[in-house]
Amino acid sequence: MNKINKCYLLSGAALLALAMSGSALAAYPEKPITIIVPWAAGGGTDATARTIANALEEQLGETVNVVNRTGGSGVVGHTAIAMAEPDGYTLGLITGEINMMHWQGLTQLTYEDYTPIGQINYDYAGVQVASDAPYDGLGDLVAAIGDEPKGTFKASGTGQGGVWHLAFAGFLMDQGLEPDRVTWIPSQGAAPAMTELAAGGIDIVPSSVPEARSMIEAGKAESLGIMAPERIDGFPEVPTVEEAIGSDYAIGEWRGIAGPKGMDPEVVETLEKALDTAYHSDTYQNFMAQQGFGTEWRDAADFGDLMERMDTKFGKIVEQVGLAK
């Protein structure tokens, strides 16, 4: 075979491979997609994931399965997402813990190990107390914490070093108080902490306001303020901390869809567009409104920027709280 024929054959093979690649990409997705959730079934993150998965199915025309991979305070599931094939068929609902865990020596994973697709939720930290607590607003509580001896007050809502612990520690520092001035009592989440609050075992639960909804509606607790830039739709009566005490401190738990590092940009673009539409659908928005969860959209680029900013913010808090390793 002469050199000219060989060149034609090689060129033809290359063109065929390119055409097949383009055809396969254009067909994406052509099989079911899996969304890994690093937290247990039945919780807020799981419910959010299953609702957005239903909305995504309508946009992508393929089944979107949700799989729970729990353990290690979120490490197991987040690791499974990062280690998956970056082919667009295994994604995850990653959460703000990815901005905290590596600072505490729980994992080496950071936000840089993921391909952001879109942020779909942000629940800001609220400050909940028992309904019979003697505070006429958030300012009174902050003043009491400062006046009483260190360790007088007890708070709970997550494990040591979890999002609500760090959010509240940062809030105390924002108010010129030591981050450990209030004793943190580790718990399995906001629900058991709210039960303990109602029973008088602790004084403060700095969780999202939606997680405190049942106790608030039962008249056993009240929210004195929310660490958000504006009041949230589900609880319009709860003032922001800026309204309550003049502080612009804002922090909370974000959730978003991401894949492993190294995904094809065209696949990411397809997913980002579908997720944008799914986020704004009645399916998703109505569910989130009914639950009182915060809805906040960021596209892939802005979501990546958010993760970077929050990583720096939580890193400073972890260090000041004394949990950095």
Protein backbone atom coordinates (compact mmCIF):
# COMPACT_ATOMS: atom_id res chain seq x y z
CA MET A 1 0.00 0.00 0.00
CA ASN A 2 1.52 3.35 -0.99
CA LYS A 3 1.94 6.31 1.37
CA ILE A 4 -0.89 8.28 -0.24
CA ASN A 5 -3.40 5.47 0.36
CA LYS A 6 -2.19 5.09 3.92
CA CYS A 7 -2.74 8.79 4.53
CA TYR A 8 -6.28 8.58 3.14
CA LEU A 9 -7.01 5.59 5.38
CA LEU A 10 -5.63 7.32 8.47
CA SER A 11 -7.51 10.51 7.67
CA GLY A 12 -10.71 8.55 7.12
CA ALA A 13 -10.30 6.69 10.40
CA ALA A 14 -9.69 9.93 12.26
CA LEU A 15 -12.75 11.54 10.72
CA LEU A 16 -14.86 8.48 11.55
CA ALA A 17 -13.68 8.52 15.16
CA LEU A 18 -14.40 12.23 15.40
CA ALA A 19 -17.86 11.77 13.91
CA MET A 20 -18.63 8.91 16.28
CA SER A 21 -17.42 10.98 19.23
CA GLY A 22 -19.57 13.94 18.20
CA SER A 23 -22.56 11.68 17.65
CA ALA A 24 -22.15 10.08 21.09
CA LEU A 25 -21.83 13.49 22.70
CA ALA A 26 -24.87 14.82 20.89
CA ALA A 27 -26.85 11.85 22.18
CA TYR A 28 -26.01 12.57 25.82
CA PRO A 29 -27.63 11.35 27.92
CA GLU A 30 -28.38 7.94 26.44
CA LYS A 31 -28.70 5.95 29.68
CA PRO A 32 -29.83 6.55 33.30
CA ILE A 33 -27.97 9.04 35.47
CA THR A 34 -27.19 8.52 39.15
CA ILE A 35 -27.11 11.29 41.75
CA ILE A 36 -25.19 10.34 44.91
CA VAL A 37 -26.39 11.92 48.16
CA PRO A 38 -23.84 11.92 51.02
CA TRP A 39 -26.57 12.02 53.65
CA ALA A 40 -29.29 9.65 54.87
CA ALA A 41 -32.63 9.02 53.19
CA GLY A 42 -35.50 11.04 54.60
CA GLY A 43 -33.50 14.16 55.46
CA GLY A 44 -33.67 17.60 53.86
CA THR A 45 -30.73 16.98 51.53
CA ASP A 46 -32.21 13.67 50.38
CA ALA A 47 -35.63 15.21 49.75
CA THR A 48 -34.06 18.08 47.81
CA ALA A 49 -32.07 15.61 45.68
CA ARG A 50 -35.09 13.45 44.86
CA THR A 51 -37.20 16.43 43.88
CA ILE A 52 -34.57 17.93 41.59
CA ALA A 53 -33.97 14.45 40.13
CA ASN A 54 -37.66 14.22 39.17
CA ALA A 55 -37.49 17.64 37.54
CA LEU A 56 -34.27 16.72 35.71
CA GLU A 57 -35.86 13.59 34.26
CA GLU A 58 -38.43 15.77 32.54
CA GLN A 59 -35.65 17.82 30.93
CA LEU A 60 -33.17 15.09 30.02
CA GLY A 61 -35.56 12.35 28.98
CA GLU A 62 -33.69 9.73 31.00
CA THR A 63 -34.17 8.18 34.44
CA VAL A 64 -32.28 9.98 37.22
CA ASN A 65 -31.71 7.70 40.20
CA VAL A 66 -30.82 8.89 43.69
CA VAL A 67 -28.46 6.76 45.78
CA ASN A 68 -27.58 7.49 49.42
CA ARG A 69 -23.94 6.93 50.42
CA THR A 70 -23.68 7.88 54.07
CA GLY A 71 -20.93 7.77 56.67
CA GLY A 72 -17.97 9.73 57.96
CA SER A 73 -19.92 12.96 58.44
CA GLY A 74 -20.36 13.23 54.68
CA VAL A 75 -16.90 11.99 53.71
CA VAL A 76 -18.05 8.65 52.24
CA GLY A 77 -20.59 10.10 49.84
CA HIS A 78 -18.49 13.07 48.78
CA THR A 79 -15.58 10.71 48.09
CA ALA A 80 -17.79 8.47 45.94
CA ILE A 81 -18.81 11.48 43.85
CA ALA A 82 -15.23 12.69 43.38
CA MET A 83 -13.93 9.20 42.48
CA ALA A 84 -16.64 8.41 39.91
CA GLU A 85 -16.02 8.31 36.16
CA PRO A 86 -16.30 11.87 34.80
CA ASP A 87 -18.65 10.77 32.02
CA GLY A 88 -21.74 12.66 33.17
CA TYR A 89 -23.59 9.57 34.35
CA THR A 90 -22.60 9.78 38.01
CA LEU A 91 -23.25 13.11 39.69
CA GLY A 92 -23.81 14.16 43.26
CA LEU A 93 -25.67 16.58 45.48
CA ILE A 94 -22.66 18.03 47.22
CA THR A 95 -23.10 20.16 50.34
CA GLY A 96 -21.27 22.87 52.24
CA GLU A 97 -19.43 20.28 54.31
CA ILE A 98 -16.91 20.02 51.47
CA ASN A 99 -15.76 23.49 52.59
CA MET A 100 -15.21 22.26 56.16
CA MET A 101 -14.08 18.64 56.26
CA HIS A 102 -10.58 19.02 54.85
CA TRP A 103 -9.73 21.85 57.24
CA GLN A 104 -10.50 19.47 60.12
CA GLY A 105 -8.38 16.65 58.73
CA LEU A 106 -11.38 14.43 57.90
CA THR A 107 -10.48 14.15 54.20
CA GLN A 108 -8.13 15.58 51.60
CA LEU A 109 -11.03 16.36 49.27
CA THR A 110 -11.73 20.00 48.49
CA TYR A 111 -14.11 21.85 46.17
CA GLU A 112 -11.40 21.60 43.48
CA ASP A 113 -12.07 17.85 43.17
CA TYR A 114 -15.47 18.49 41.58
CA THR A 115 -16.97 19.88 38.40
CA PRO A 116 -19.67 22.35 39.46
CA ILE A 117 -22.92 22.23 37.50
CA GLY A 118 -25.28 24.43 39.50
CA GLN A 119 -26.28 25.52 43.00
CA ILE A 120 -29.93 24.83 43.81
CA ASN A 121 -30.35 25.61 47.51
CA TYR A 122 -29.04 27.77 50.34
CA ASP A 123 -30.41 27.57 53.87
CA TYR A 124 -29.13 30.32 56.12
CA ALA A 125 -28.47 29.82 59.81
CA GLY A 126 -31.12 31.03 62.21
CA VAL A 127 -30.88 31.53 65.99
CA GLN A 128 -33.61 29.59 67.78
CA VAL A 129 -34.45 29.72 71.49
CA ALA A 130 -37.26 28.31 73.61
CA SER A 131 -40.48 30.29 73.41
CA ASP A 132 -40.33 31.04 77.14
CA ALA A 133 -36.73 32.31 77.00
CA PRO A 134 -36.37 35.78 78.58
CA TYR A 135 -35.00 37.59 75.52
CA ASP A 136 -36.65 40.49 73.79
CA GLY A 137 -34.86 39.97 70.51
CA LEU A 138 -31.45 38.79 69.32
CA GLY A 139 -29.66 41.75 70.88
CA ASP A 140 -30.76 40.67 74.37
CA LEU A 141 -29.44 37.15 73.78
CA VAL A 142 -26.07 38.40 72.56
CA ALA A 143 -25.81 40.73 75.55
CA ALA A 144 -26.63 37.90 77.96
CA ILE A 145 -24.01 35.63 76.38
CA GLY A 146 -21.44 38.38 76.84
CA ASP A 147 -22.45 39.18 80.42
CA GLU A 148 -22.66 35.65 81.80
CA PRO A 149 -19.56 33.53 82.55
CA LYS A 150 -18.09 31.54 79.67
CA GLY A 151 -19.84 28.19 79.29
CA THR A 152 -23.10 29.33 80.86
CA PHE A 153 -24.99 28.90 77.60
CA LYS A 154 -25.26 25.63 75.69
CA ALA A 155 -26.02 25.25 71.99
CA SER A 156 -26.52 22.34 69.61
CA GLY A 157 -27.75 21.47 66.13
CA THR A 158 -25.09 19.30 64.51
CA GLY A 159 -21.86 17.50 65.31
CA GLN A 160 -18.69 19.20 66.47
CA GLY A 161 -17.30 21.17 63.53
CA GLY A 162 -20.53 20.87 61.52
CA VAL A 163 -22.07 23.70 59.56
CA TRP A 164 -24.31 25.10 62.31
CA HIS A 165 -21.53 24.87 64.90
CA LEU A 166 -19.12 26.80 62.69
CA ALA A 167 -21.79 29.26 61.58
CA PHE A 168 -22.60 30.11 65.20
CA ALA A 169 -18.94 30.29 66.21
CA GLY A 170 -18.40 32.76 63.38
CA PHE A 171 -21.41 34.74 64.55
CA LEU A 172 -20.00 34.97 68.08
CA MET A 173 -16.68 36.23 66.70
CA ASP A 174 -18.57 38.74 64.58
CA GLN A 175 -20.04 40.06 67.84
CA GLY A 176 -16.62 40.33 69.47
CA LEU A 177 -17.05 37.21 71.59
CA GLU A 178 -14.87 34.11 71.86
CA PRO A 179 -15.98 31.36 69.45
CA ASP A 180 -16.21 28.88 72.32
CA ARG A 181 -17.97 31.20 74.76
CA VAL A 182 -21.11 29.10 74.27
CA THR A 183 -20.56 25.39 74.95
CA TRP A 184 -21.34 23.27 71.90
CA ILE A 185 -23.20 20.01 72.56
CA PRO A 186 -22.77 17.64 69.55
CA SER A 187 -25.96 16.11 68.18
CA GLN A 188 -27.13 14.07 65.21
CA GLY A 189 -28.83 17.09 63.70
CA ALA A 190 -31.20 19.96 64.24
CA ALA A 191 -34.29 17.82 64.93
CA PRO A 192 -32.99 16.19 68.13
CA ALA A 193 -31.45 19.51 69.15
CA MET A 194 -34.81 21.25 68.85
CA THR A 195 -36.38 18.55 71.02
CA GLU A 196 -33.68 19.14 73.62
CA LEU A 197 -34.26 22.90 73.38
CA ALA A 198 -37.96 22.47 74.10
CA ALA A 199 -37.11 20.21 77.06
CA GLY A 200 -34.77 22.83 78.54
CA GLY A 201 -31.55 20.88 78.09
CA ILE A 202 -29.91 23.49 75.88
CA ASP A 203 -30.37 27.20 75.30
CA ILE A 204 -29.77 27.82 71.59
CA VAL A 205 -30.15 25.94 68.30
CA PRO A 206 -28.43 27.79 65.43
CA SER A 207 -29.88 25.72 62.60
CA SER A 208 -31.80 26.68 59.47
CA VAL A 209 -35.23 28.05 60.33
CA PRO A 210 -37.05 25.36 58.25
CA GLU A 211 -35.48 22.68 60.47
CA ALA A 212 -37.06 24.41 63.48
CA ARG A 213 -40.46 24.78 61.83
CA SER A 214 -42.33 22.07 63.76
CA MET A 215 -41.26 23.38 67.17
CA ILE A 216 -41.95 26.98 66.15
CA GLU A 217 -45.43 26.10 64.89
CA ALA A 218 -46.06 24.12 68.09
CA GLY A 219 -45.30 27.26 70.11
CA LYS A 220 -42.29 25.69 71.82
CA ALA A 221 -39.57 27.73 70.11
CA GLU A 222 -38.99 31.00 68.30
CA SER A 223 -36.35 32.27 65.91
CA LEU A 224 -34.72 35.54 66.95
CA GLY A 225 -32.93 36.19 63.68
CA ILE A 226 -31.52 34.72 60.51
CA MET A 227 -27.96 35.12 59.21
CA ALA A 228 -29.12 36.06 55.70
CA PRO A 229 -28.93 39.18 53.53
CA GLU A 230 -32.74 39.42 53.52
CA ARG A 231 -35.76 37.79 55.15
CA ILE A 232 -36.73 34.42 53.73
CA ASP A 233 -40.11 33.81 52.10
CA GLY A 234 -41.09 30.85 54.27
CA PHE A 235 -40.59 32.82 57.52
CA PRO A 236 -41.16 36.51 56.72
CA GLU A 237 -41.64 37.37 60.39
CA VAL A 238 -38.04 36.42 61.29
CA PRO A 239 -35.71 39.44 61.03
CA THR A 240 -32.24 39.28 59.56
CA VAL A 241 -29.34 39.77 61.96
CA GLU A 242 -28.71 43.11 60.27
CA GLU A 243 -32.25 44.22 61.13
CA ALA A 244 -31.95 42.81 64.63
CA ILE A 245 -28.46 43.92 65.67
CA GLY A 246 -26.94 45.80 62.73
CA SER A 247 -24.58 43.03 61.56
CA ASP A 248 -24.20 42.00 57.92
CA TYR A 249 -22.89 38.55 58.93
CA ALA A 250 -24.46 35.96 56.59
CA ILE A 251 -23.71 32.25 56.45
CA GLY A 252 -25.45 28.95 55.94
CA GLU A 253 -25.53 25.60 54.20
CA TRP A 254 -25.45 25.41 50.40
CA ARG A 255 -26.38 22.45 48.21
CA GLY A 256 -25.65 21.94 44.54
CA ILE A 257 -25.23 19.43 41.76
CA ALA A 258 -21.68 18.56 40.73
CA GLY A 259 -19.72 15.79 39.12
CA PRO A 260 -16.17 14.46 39.36
CA LYS A 261 -13.32 16.68 38.22
CA GLY A 262 -12.55 16.52 34.50
CA MET A 263 -16.01 16.31 32.93
CA ASP A 264 -16.46 17.18 29.26
CA PRO A 265 -17.44 20.89 28.98
CA GLU A 266 -20.22 20.09 26.48
CA VAL A 267 -21.75 17.54 28.83
CA VAL A 268 -21.53 20.08 31.66
CA GLU A 269 -23.27 22.66 29.46
CA THR A 270 -26.08 20.21 28.68
CA LEU A 271 -26.54 19.40 32.37
CA GLU A 272 -26.32 23.04 33.43
CA LYS A 273 -29.09 24.08 31.04
CA ALA A 274 -31.30 21.16 32.10
CA LEU A 275 -30.65 21.90 35.79
CA ASP A 276 -31.46 25.59 35.31
CA THR A 277 -34.85 24.66 33.83
CA ALA A 278 -35.46 21.98 36.47
CA TYR A 279 -34.62 24.43 39.27
CA HIS A 280 -37.16 26.96 37.97
CA SER A 281 -39.85 24.31 37.41
CA ASP A 282 -43.05 24.14 39.44
CA THR A 283 -42.02 20.64 40.54
CA TYR A 284 -38.98 21.95 42.39
CA GLN A 285 -40.10 25.42 43.42
CA ASN A 286 -43.44 24.27 44.86
CA PHE A 287 -41.79 21.53 46.91
CA MET A 288 -39.13 23.83 48.33
CA ALA A 289 -41.74 26.47 49.19
CA GLN A 290 -43.92 23.90 50.97
CA GLN A 291 -40.93 22.75 53.03
CA GLY A 292 -39.67 26.27 53.68
CA PHE A 293 -36.27 25.46 52.19
CA GLY A 294 -34.28 28.27 50.62
CA THR A 295 -33.95 28.36 46.84
CA GLU A 296 -30.89 30.01 45.36
CA TRP A 297 -29.56 29.44 41.84
CA ARG A 298 -25.99 29.81 40.62
CA ASP A 299 -24.76 28.52 37.29
CA ALA A 300 -21.62 26.40 37.01
CA ALA A 301 -19.16 29.30 37.03
CA ASP A 302 -20.82 31.20 39.87
CA PHE A 303 -21.28 27.99 41.87
CA GLY A 304 -17.54 27.33 41.59
CA ASP A 305 -16.83 30.87 42.78
CA LEU A 306 -19.16 30.41 45.76
CA MET A 307 -17.41 27.21 46.83
CA GLU A 308 -14.05 28.95 46.65
CA ARG A 309 -15.23 31.90 48.76
CA MET A 310 -16.93 29.72 51.36
CA ASP A 311 -13.89 27.48 51.61
CA THR A 312 -11.78 30.43 52.69
CA LYS A 313 -14.49 31.68 55.07
CA PHE A 314 -14.99 28.34 56.83
CA GLY A 315 -11.24 27.70 56.90
CA LYS A 316 -10.73 30.82 58.99
CA ILE A 317 -13.54 29.85 61.36
CA VAL A 318 -12.23 26.28 61.78
CA GLU A 319 -8.80 27.66 62.66
CA GLN A 320 -10.14 30.21 65.13
CA VAL A 321 -12.37 27.63 66.79
CA GLY A 322 -9.32 25.42 67.27
CA LEU A 323 -10.45 22.49 65.10
CA ALA A 324 -7.90 22.86 62.28
CA LYS A 325 -5.63 19.86 61.66
